[in-house]
N, C-alpha and C. Protein backbone atom coordinates (compact mmCIF):
# COMPACT_ATOMS: atom_id res chain seq x y z
N MET A 1 11.93 3.72 -12.04
CA MET A 1 11.21 4.44 -11.00
C MET A 1 11.09 5.90 -11.42
N THR A 2 9.94 6.48 -11.18
CA THR A 2 9.74 7.89 -11.47
C THR A 2 10.11 8.71 -10.24
N THR A 3 10.04 10.01 -10.38
CA THR A 3 10.58 10.88 -9.33
C THR A 3 9.52 11.59 -8.51
N GLY A 4 8.25 11.22 -8.61
CA GLY A 4 7.20 11.93 -7.90
C GLY A 4 7.14 11.66 -6.42
N ALA A 5 7.67 10.56 -5.96
CA ALA A 5 7.57 10.19 -4.55
C ALA A 5 8.90 10.44 -3.84
N SER A 6 8.79 10.71 -2.56
CA SER A 6 9.98 10.97 -1.74
C SER A 6 10.70 9.67 -1.40
N PRO A 7 11.96 9.78 -1.01
CA PRO A 7 12.67 8.59 -0.54
C PRO A 7 11.97 7.94 0.66
N GLU A 8 11.35 8.75 1.50
CA GLU A 8 10.61 8.21 2.65
C GLU A 8 9.45 7.33 2.18
N PHE A 9 8.69 7.82 1.20
CA PHE A 9 7.59 7.03 0.65
C PHE A 9 8.11 5.72 0.07
N GLU A 10 9.17 5.79 -0.71
CA GLU A 10 9.73 4.59 -1.33
C GLU A 10 10.18 3.58 -0.28
N ALA A 11 10.81 4.06 0.79
CA ALA A 11 11.27 3.16 1.86
C ALA A 11 10.08 2.52 2.58
N LEU A 12 9.05 3.31 2.87
CA LEU A 12 7.86 2.77 3.55
C LEU A 12 7.12 1.78 2.65
N ALA A 13 7.06 2.07 1.35
CA ALA A 13 6.41 1.15 0.41
C ALA A 13 7.19 -0.17 0.34
N ALA A 14 8.50 -0.08 0.32
CA ALA A 14 9.33 -1.30 0.29
C ALA A 14 9.12 -2.13 1.56
N GLU A 15 9.04 -1.46 2.70
CA GLU A 15 8.81 -2.16 3.96
C GLU A 15 7.44 -2.84 3.95
N LEU A 16 6.42 -2.15 3.45
CA LEU A 16 5.10 -2.77 3.33
C LEU A 16 5.17 -3.99 2.44
N GLY A 17 5.91 -3.90 1.35
CA GLY A 17 6.07 -5.05 0.47
C GLY A 17 6.66 -6.25 1.20
N ARG A 18 7.66 -6.01 2.03
CA ARG A 18 8.26 -7.11 2.81
C ARG A 18 7.25 -7.71 3.78
N ARG A 19 6.43 -6.86 4.41
CA ARG A 19 5.42 -7.36 5.35
C ARG A 19 4.33 -8.14 4.63
N ILE A 20 3.95 -7.70 3.43
CA ILE A 20 2.95 -8.42 2.64
C ILE A 20 3.47 -9.82 2.29
N ILE A 21 4.71 -9.90 1.85
CA ILE A 21 5.30 -11.20 1.52
C ILE A 21 5.39 -12.08 2.76
N ALA A 22 5.82 -11.51 3.89
CA ALA A 22 5.92 -12.29 5.13
C ALA A 22 4.56 -12.81 5.58
N ALA A 23 3.51 -12.04 5.32
CA ALA A 23 2.15 -12.46 5.69
C ALA A 23 1.54 -13.41 4.65
N GLU A 24 2.31 -13.71 3.60
CA GLU A 24 1.87 -14.59 2.52
C GLU A 24 0.61 -14.09 1.82
N LEU A 25 0.54 -12.76 1.66
CA LEU A 25 -0.54 -12.15 0.91
C LEU A 25 -0.06 -11.88 -0.51
N ARG A 26 -1.00 -11.68 -1.41
CA ARG A 26 -0.64 -11.23 -2.75
C ARG A 26 -0.31 -9.75 -2.71
N GLY A 27 0.35 -9.27 -3.73
CA GLY A 27 0.82 -7.89 -3.76
C GLY A 27 -0.29 -6.86 -3.73
N LEU A 28 0.12 -5.62 -3.54
CA LEU A 28 -0.79 -4.48 -3.47
C LEU A 28 -0.26 -3.40 -4.40
N VAL A 29 -1.17 -2.79 -5.15
CA VAL A 29 -0.82 -1.66 -6.01
C VAL A 29 -1.14 -0.38 -5.24
N LEU A 30 -0.19 0.54 -5.21
CA LEU A 30 -0.38 1.87 -4.65
C LEU A 30 -0.40 2.84 -5.81
N ARG A 31 -1.49 3.59 -5.97
CA ARG A 31 -1.63 4.49 -7.11
C ARG A 31 -1.88 5.91 -6.61
N PHE A 32 -1.05 6.84 -7.09
CA PHE A 32 -1.23 8.26 -6.76
C PHE A 32 -0.92 9.07 -8.01
N GLY A 33 -1.89 9.91 -8.38
CA GLY A 33 -1.72 10.67 -9.62
C GLY A 33 -1.52 9.73 -10.79
N ASP A 34 -0.48 10.00 -11.57
CA ASP A 34 -0.17 9.16 -12.72
C ASP A 34 0.84 8.07 -12.38
N GLU A 35 1.18 7.93 -11.12
CA GLU A 35 2.22 6.98 -10.72
C GLU A 35 1.63 5.77 -10.00
N THR A 36 2.36 4.68 -10.11
CA THR A 36 1.95 3.42 -9.50
C THR A 36 3.17 2.74 -8.90
N ARG A 37 2.98 2.17 -7.72
CA ARG A 37 3.99 1.30 -7.12
C ARG A 37 3.31 -0.02 -6.84
N ILE A 38 3.97 -1.11 -7.16
CA ILE A 38 3.46 -2.45 -6.87
C ILE A 38 4.37 -3.02 -5.79
N VAL A 39 3.78 -3.38 -4.66
CA VAL A 39 4.57 -3.87 -3.52
C VAL A 39 4.11 -5.26 -3.11
N GLY A 40 5.06 -6.04 -2.62
CA GLY A 40 4.74 -7.34 -2.08
C GLY A 40 4.45 -8.42 -3.09
N VAL A 41 4.98 -8.30 -4.28
CA VAL A 41 4.74 -9.31 -5.31
C VAL A 41 5.83 -10.37 -5.23
N ALA A 42 5.41 -11.61 -5.09
CA ALA A 42 6.33 -12.75 -5.04
C ALA A 42 5.76 -13.86 -5.91
N ASP A 43 6.63 -14.70 -6.41
CA ASP A 43 6.21 -15.89 -7.17
C ASP A 43 5.31 -15.58 -8.35
N ARG A 44 5.50 -14.43 -8.95
CA ARG A 44 4.77 -14.04 -10.16
C ARG A 44 3.26 -13.97 -10.00
N MET A 45 2.78 -13.93 -8.78
CA MET A 45 1.34 -13.78 -8.56
C MET A 45 0.98 -12.31 -8.72
N PRO A 46 -0.06 -12.01 -9.50
CA PRO A 46 -0.43 -10.60 -9.68
C PRO A 46 -0.98 -10.00 -8.39
N PRO A 47 -0.90 -8.69 -8.24
CA PRO A 47 -1.47 -8.05 -7.04
C PRO A 47 -2.96 -8.34 -6.93
N ALA A 48 -3.44 -8.35 -5.70
CA ALA A 48 -4.84 -8.68 -5.45
C ALA A 48 -5.72 -7.44 -5.25
N ALA A 49 -5.11 -6.29 -4.97
CA ALA A 49 -5.90 -5.09 -4.70
C ALA A 49 -5.09 -3.86 -5.06
N THR A 50 -5.81 -2.75 -5.19
CA THR A 50 -5.21 -1.44 -5.47
C THR A 50 -5.74 -0.44 -4.46
N LEU A 51 -4.85 0.38 -3.94
CA LEU A 51 -5.22 1.49 -3.06
C LEU A 51 -4.85 2.77 -3.79
N GLU A 52 -5.84 3.64 -3.99
CA GLU A 52 -5.63 4.89 -4.69
C GLU A 52 -5.81 6.07 -3.75
N GLY A 53 -4.98 7.08 -3.91
CA GLY A 53 -5.10 8.30 -3.13
C GLY A 53 -4.04 9.30 -3.55
N THR A 54 -4.02 10.42 -2.88
CA THR A 54 -2.96 11.39 -3.13
C THR A 54 -1.67 10.84 -2.53
N LEU A 55 -0.57 11.38 -2.98
CA LEU A 55 0.71 10.97 -2.42
C LEU A 55 0.75 11.23 -0.92
N ASP A 56 0.24 12.37 -0.48
CA ASP A 56 0.24 12.68 0.96
C ASP A 56 -0.60 11.68 1.74
N GLU A 57 -1.77 11.31 1.20
CA GLU A 57 -2.62 10.34 1.89
C GLU A 57 -1.95 8.98 1.97
N LEU A 58 -1.35 8.54 0.88
CA LEU A 58 -0.68 7.24 0.90
C LEU A 58 0.53 7.25 1.83
N LEU A 59 1.21 8.37 1.92
CA LEU A 59 2.33 8.47 2.86
C LEU A 59 1.82 8.35 4.30
N ALA A 60 0.69 8.97 4.60
CA ALA A 60 0.08 8.84 5.92
C ALA A 60 -0.31 7.40 6.21
N VAL A 61 -0.86 6.72 5.21
CA VAL A 61 -1.23 5.31 5.36
C VAL A 61 0.01 4.47 5.64
N LEU A 62 1.03 4.65 4.83
CA LEU A 62 2.25 3.84 4.98
C LEU A 62 2.99 4.10 6.28
N SER A 63 2.82 5.29 6.83
CA SER A 63 3.51 5.61 8.08
C SER A 63 2.66 5.30 9.31
N GLY A 64 1.54 4.60 9.10
CA GLY A 64 0.74 4.13 10.23
C GLY A 64 -0.13 5.18 10.89
N GLN A 65 -0.52 6.19 10.14
CA GLN A 65 -1.31 7.28 10.71
C GLN A 65 -2.80 7.15 10.47
N ARG A 66 -3.24 6.01 10.02
CA ARG A 66 -4.67 5.78 9.76
C ARG A 66 -5.14 4.53 10.48
N GLY A 67 -6.32 4.63 11.06
CA GLY A 67 -6.93 3.49 11.71
C GLY A 67 -7.68 2.63 10.70
N ALA A 68 -8.16 1.50 11.15
CA ALA A 68 -8.82 0.54 10.26
C ALA A 68 -10.03 1.15 9.56
N ASP A 69 -10.88 1.88 10.28
CA ASP A 69 -12.06 2.47 9.65
C ASP A 69 -11.67 3.53 8.62
N GLU A 70 -10.64 4.31 8.92
CA GLU A 70 -10.16 5.30 7.96
C GLU A 70 -9.61 4.63 6.71
N LEU A 71 -8.92 3.52 6.89
CA LEU A 71 -8.38 2.78 5.75
C LEU A 71 -9.49 2.23 4.87
N ARG A 72 -10.51 1.69 5.49
CA ARG A 72 -11.63 1.12 4.72
C ARG A 72 -12.35 2.19 3.91
N ALA A 73 -12.31 3.45 4.38
CA ALA A 73 -13.00 4.55 3.71
C ALA A 73 -12.24 5.07 2.49
N LEU A 74 -11.02 4.63 2.30
CA LEU A 74 -10.23 5.07 1.15
C LEU A 74 -10.68 4.36 -0.11
N ARG A 75 -10.17 4.79 -1.25
CA ARG A 75 -10.56 4.19 -2.54
C ARG A 75 -9.74 2.92 -2.78
N TRP A 76 -10.42 1.81 -2.74
CA TRP A 76 -9.82 0.49 -2.98
C TRP A 76 -10.45 -0.13 -4.20
N ILE A 77 -9.65 -0.83 -4.95
CA ILE A 77 -10.13 -1.71 -6.01
C ILE A 77 -9.72 -3.10 -5.56
N GLY A 78 -10.69 -3.96 -5.33
CA GLY A 78 -10.41 -5.26 -4.74
C GLY A 78 -10.71 -5.23 -3.24
N ASN A 79 -10.46 -6.32 -2.59
CA ASN A 79 -10.76 -6.48 -1.17
C ASN A 79 -9.65 -5.91 -0.30
N PRO A 80 -9.94 -4.87 0.49
CA PRO A 80 -8.90 -4.29 1.33
C PRO A 80 -8.61 -5.08 2.60
N GLU A 81 -9.52 -5.94 3.01
CA GLU A 81 -9.43 -6.55 4.34
C GLU A 81 -8.10 -7.26 4.63
N PRO A 82 -7.52 -8.01 3.70
CA PRO A 82 -6.25 -8.66 4.03
C PRO A 82 -5.13 -7.69 4.36
N TYR A 83 -5.25 -6.44 3.93
CA TYR A 83 -4.19 -5.44 4.11
C TYR A 83 -4.43 -4.50 5.29
N ILE A 84 -5.65 -4.48 5.79
CA ILE A 84 -6.01 -3.52 6.84
C ILE A 84 -5.13 -3.71 8.08
N ALA A 85 -4.96 -4.93 8.52
CA ALA A 85 -4.15 -5.18 9.73
C ALA A 85 -2.70 -4.78 9.53
N LEU A 86 -2.19 -4.90 8.32
CA LEU A 86 -0.79 -4.50 8.05
C LEU A 86 -0.63 -2.98 8.02
N LEU A 87 -1.70 -2.27 7.72
CA LEU A 87 -1.62 -0.82 7.54
C LEU A 87 -2.17 -0.01 8.70
N ALA A 88 -3.07 -0.58 9.49
CA ALA A 88 -3.78 0.20 10.51
C ALA A 88 -2.88 0.58 11.67
N SER A 89 -3.11 1.82 12.15
CA SER A 89 -2.42 2.24 13.37
C SER A 89 -3.11 1.60 14.56
N SER A 90 -2.42 1.53 15.63
CA SER A 90 -2.96 0.87 16.84
C SER A 90 -4.09 1.66 17.45
C-alpha cells in the first residue's frame, strides 16, 4: 500500500469492497493521481469498472456525499450503473 491516501479513505474503500462483494458485483478500481485501489474483488474475477478522480473527490464519493446524477458525471471506465446505488447519497 502506498501512503497517498488517509486512513479514513482506506477504511471507506474497504467498506465499499465488502458491500460490493455482498451485492455479488465484480470489483471496482478507484484511481487517483498515480495511485490505484482495487476493492470488492472475490473469486479471482477482474474488476468490472474504474472510477477516476482526485483523492478529495473519491473521499466525498466514498463517504456518501454525492447523489446518483453527480456520480454518473464523474470519470468512469466501464459501466457505473451497478455501483451507483452502493455509492449514492440518499
